[in-house]
Amino acid sequence: MVETSRGTSPQAVSLEDEIHLLRSKMEKLFQQENSFTSDIVIEISSLLDLKINEFMRNNRKNK
């Protein structure tokens, strides 16, 4: 397995980047919609939850 300068696998870095992008997108959509309960904000939030859970599972496996 190839390691990056952060000491994580390339897949983990990609997943981490995806999490940051989703969070940023969710924040922008919240500002546009001015609501945490709009369909699009909930959709992105749910996807973000899935990605965070995947990241946490991957970290447990690697320890």
N, C-alpha and C. Protein backbone atom coordinates (compact mmCIF):
# COMPACT_ATOMS: atom_id res chain seq x y z
N MET A 1 0.85 -1.18 0.00
CA MET A 1 0.00 0.00 0.00
C MET A 1 0.89 1.24 0.00
N VAL A 2 0.58 2.18 -0.90
CA VAL A 2 1.34 3.41 -1.01
C VAL A 2 0.84 4.39 0.04
N GLU A 3 1.77 5.07 0.70
CA GLU A 3 1.39 6.05 1.72
C GLU A 3 1.67 7.45 1.22
N THR A 4 0.87 8.40 1.66
CA THR A 4 1.08 9.80 1.32
C THR A 4 1.83 10.48 2.44
N SER A 5 2.10 11.76 2.27
CA SER A 5 2.81 12.51 3.31
C SER A 5 2.02 12.58 4.61
N ARG A 6 0.70 12.40 4.55
CA ARG A 6 -0.11 12.41 5.76
C ARG A 6 -0.11 11.05 6.46
N GLY A 7 0.48 10.04 5.81
CA GLY A 7 0.52 8.73 6.43
C GLY A 7 -0.76 7.93 6.21
N THR A 8 -1.56 8.33 5.23
CA THR A 8 -2.78 7.61 4.93
C THR A 8 -2.71 7.09 3.50
N SER A 9 -3.54 6.13 3.19
CA SER A 9 -3.56 5.58 1.84
C SER A 9 -4.18 6.60 0.89
N PRO A 10 -3.88 6.49 -0.41
CA PRO A 10 -4.48 7.42 -1.37
C PRO A 10 -6.00 7.38 -1.36
N GLN A 11 -6.59 6.21 -1.12
CA GLN A 11 -8.04 6.08 -1.06
C GLN A 11 -8.60 6.90 0.11
N ALA A 12 -7.95 6.86 1.26
CA ALA A 12 -8.40 7.61 2.43
C ALA A 12 -8.32 9.10 2.17
N VAL A 13 -7.28 9.55 1.49
CA VAL A 13 -7.14 10.98 1.19
C VAL A 13 -8.27 11.40 0.25
N SER A 14 -8.57 10.58 -0.74
CA SER A 14 -9.63 10.87 -1.67
C SER A 14 -10.97 10.95 -0.94
N LEU A 15 -11.22 10.03 -0.04
CA LEU A 15 -12.45 10.03 0.74
C LEU A 15 -12.51 11.25 1.66
N GLU A 16 -11.39 11.58 2.26
CA GLU A 16 -11.32 12.76 3.12
C GLU A 16 -11.61 14.03 2.31
N ASP A 17 -11.04 14.11 1.12
CA ASP A 17 -11.30 15.26 0.24
C ASP A 17 -12.77 15.33 -0.14
N GLU A 18 -13.35 14.17 -0.42
CA GLU A 18 -14.77 14.12 -0.78
C GLU A 18 -15.64 14.61 0.38
N ILE A 19 -15.27 14.24 1.59
CA ILE A 19 -16.00 14.69 2.78
C ILE A 19 -15.93 16.21 2.90
N HIS A 20 -14.75 16.77 2.71
CA HIS A 20 -14.59 18.23 2.80
C HIS A 20 -15.41 18.94 1.71
N LEU A 21 -15.41 18.38 0.51
CA LEU A 21 -16.17 18.99 -0.58
C LEU A 21 -17.68 18.93 -0.30
N LEU A 22 -18.15 17.79 0.19
CA LEU A 22 -19.57 17.66 0.51
C LEU A 22 -19.99 18.61 1.62
N ARG A 23 -19.14 18.75 2.61
CA ARG A 23 -19.47 19.66 3.71
C ARG A 23 -19.56 21.10 3.21
N SER A 24 -18.60 21.47 2.38
CA SER A 24 -18.60 22.82 1.81
C SER A 24 -19.86 23.04 0.96
N LYS A 25 -20.21 22.04 0.16
CA LYS A 25 -21.41 22.14 -0.68
C LYS A 25 -22.66 22.26 0.19
N MET A 26 -22.73 21.48 1.26
CA MET A 26 -23.87 21.53 2.15
C MET A 26 -23.99 22.91 2.80
N GLU A 27 -22.87 23.47 3.23
CA GLU A 27 -22.89 24.80 3.85
C GLU A 27 -23.39 25.86 2.86
N LYS A 28 -22.91 25.79 1.61
CA LYS A 28 -23.35 26.76 0.60
C LYS A 28 -24.83 26.61 0.30
N LEU A 29 -25.29 25.37 0.19
CA LEU A 29 -26.70 25.14 -0.07
C LEU A 29 -27.57 25.62 1.08
N PHE A 30 -27.09 25.41 2.30
CA PHE A 30 -27.84 25.92 3.46
C PHE A 30 -27.99 27.43 3.37
N GLN A 31 -26.91 28.12 3.02
CA GLN A 31 -26.97 29.58 2.90
C GLN A 31 -27.94 30.01 1.80
N GLN A 32 -27.95 29.27 0.69
CA GLN A 32 -28.86 29.60 -0.41
C GLN A 32 -30.31 29.32 -0.03
N GLU A 33 -30.53 28.18 0.57
CA GLU A 33 -31.89 27.76 0.92
C GLU A 33 -32.37 28.38 2.23
N ASN A 34 -31.43 28.78 3.06
CA ASN A 34 -31.73 29.32 4.38
C ASN A 34 -32.57 28.34 5.21
N SER A 35 -32.23 27.06 5.06
CA SER A 35 -32.99 26.02 5.75
C SER A 35 -32.16 24.74 5.84
N PHE A 36 -32.18 24.13 7.02
CA PHE A 36 -31.55 22.82 7.17
C PHE A 36 -32.49 21.71 6.69
N THR A 37 -33.75 22.03 6.47
CA THR A 37 -34.72 21.00 6.13
C THR A 37 -35.12 20.99 4.66
N SER A 38 -34.45 21.78 3.83
CA SER A 38 -34.75 21.72 2.40
C SER A 38 -34.28 20.37 1.87
N ASP A 39 -34.95 19.88 0.85
CA ASP A 39 -34.65 18.55 0.31
C ASP A 39 -33.19 18.39 -0.10
N ILE A 40 -32.64 19.39 -0.78
CA ILE A 40 -31.27 19.27 -1.27
C ILE A 40 -30.25 19.28 -0.13
N VAL A 41 -30.49 20.08 0.89
CA VAL A 41 -29.58 20.12 2.05
C VAL A 41 -29.63 18.77 2.78
N ILE A 42 -30.82 18.22 2.94
CA ILE A 42 -30.95 16.91 3.59
C ILE A 42 -30.28 15.82 2.77
N GLU A 43 -30.43 15.90 1.45
CA GLU A 43 -29.80 14.91 0.57
C GLU A 43 -28.27 14.94 0.70
N ILE A 44 -27.69 16.12 0.65
CA ILE A 44 -26.24 16.25 0.78
C ILE A 44 -25.79 15.84 2.18
N SER A 45 -26.55 16.21 3.19
CA SER A 45 -26.23 15.84 4.56
C SER A 45 -26.22 14.32 4.74
N SER A 46 -27.18 13.65 4.14
CA SER A 46 -27.25 12.19 4.22
C SER A 46 -26.05 11.54 3.52
N LEU A 47 -25.70 12.07 2.37
CA LEU A 47 -24.53 11.56 1.65
C LEU A 47 -23.26 11.80 2.47
N LEU A 48 -23.17 12.96 3.07
CA LEU A 48 -22.03 13.29 3.92
C LEU A 48 -21.94 12.31 5.09
N ASP A 49 -23.06 11.99 5.70
CA ASP A 49 -23.08 11.01 6.79
C ASP A 49 -22.54 9.66 6.33
N LEU A 50 -22.96 9.22 5.15
CA LEU A 50 -22.48 7.94 4.62
C LEU A 50 -20.97 7.96 4.41
N LYS A 51 -20.47 9.05 3.87
CA LYS A 51 -19.02 9.16 3.61
C LYS A 51 -18.23 9.22 4.91
N ILE A 52 -18.75 9.91 5.91
CA ILE A 52 -18.07 9.97 7.20
C ILE A 52 -18.04 8.58 7.84
N ASN A 53 -19.15 7.86 7.76
CA ASN A 53 -19.20 6.50 8.30
C ASN A 53 -18.21 5.59 7.57
N GLU A 54 -18.12 5.72 6.26
CA GLU A 54 -17.17 4.94 5.48
C GLU A 54 -15.74 5.26 5.91
N PHE A 55 -15.46 6.54 6.09
CA PHE A 55 -14.13 6.97 6.54
C PHE A 55 -13.79 6.37 7.90
N MET A 56 -14.76 6.40 8.81
CA MET A 56 -14.53 5.86 10.15
C MET A 56 -14.30 4.35 10.10
N ARG A 57 -15.07 3.64 9.28
CA ARG A 57 -14.87 2.18 9.12
C ARG A 57 -13.48 1.90 8.59
N ASN A 58 -13.05 2.66 7.58
CA ASN A 58 -11.73 2.46 7.00
C ASN A 58 -10.63 2.71 8.03
N ASN A 59 -10.81 3.70 8.88
CA ASN A 59 -9.79 4.00 9.89
C ASN A 59 -9.71 2.90 10.95
N ARG A 60 -10.83 2.31 11.30
CA ARG A 60 -10.82 1.22 12.27
C ARG A 60 -10.12 -0.01 11.72
N LYS A 61 -10.33 -0.29 10.44
CA LYS A 61 -9.70 -1.45 9.79
C LYS A 61 -8.19 -1.29 9.71
N ASN A 62 -7.72 -0.06 9.56
CA ASN A 62 -6.30 0.20 9.37
C ASN A 62 -5.52 0.26 10.68
N LYS A 63 -6.19 0.15 11.80
CA LYS A 63 -5.48 0.25 13.09
C LYS A 63 -5.18 -1.10 13.64
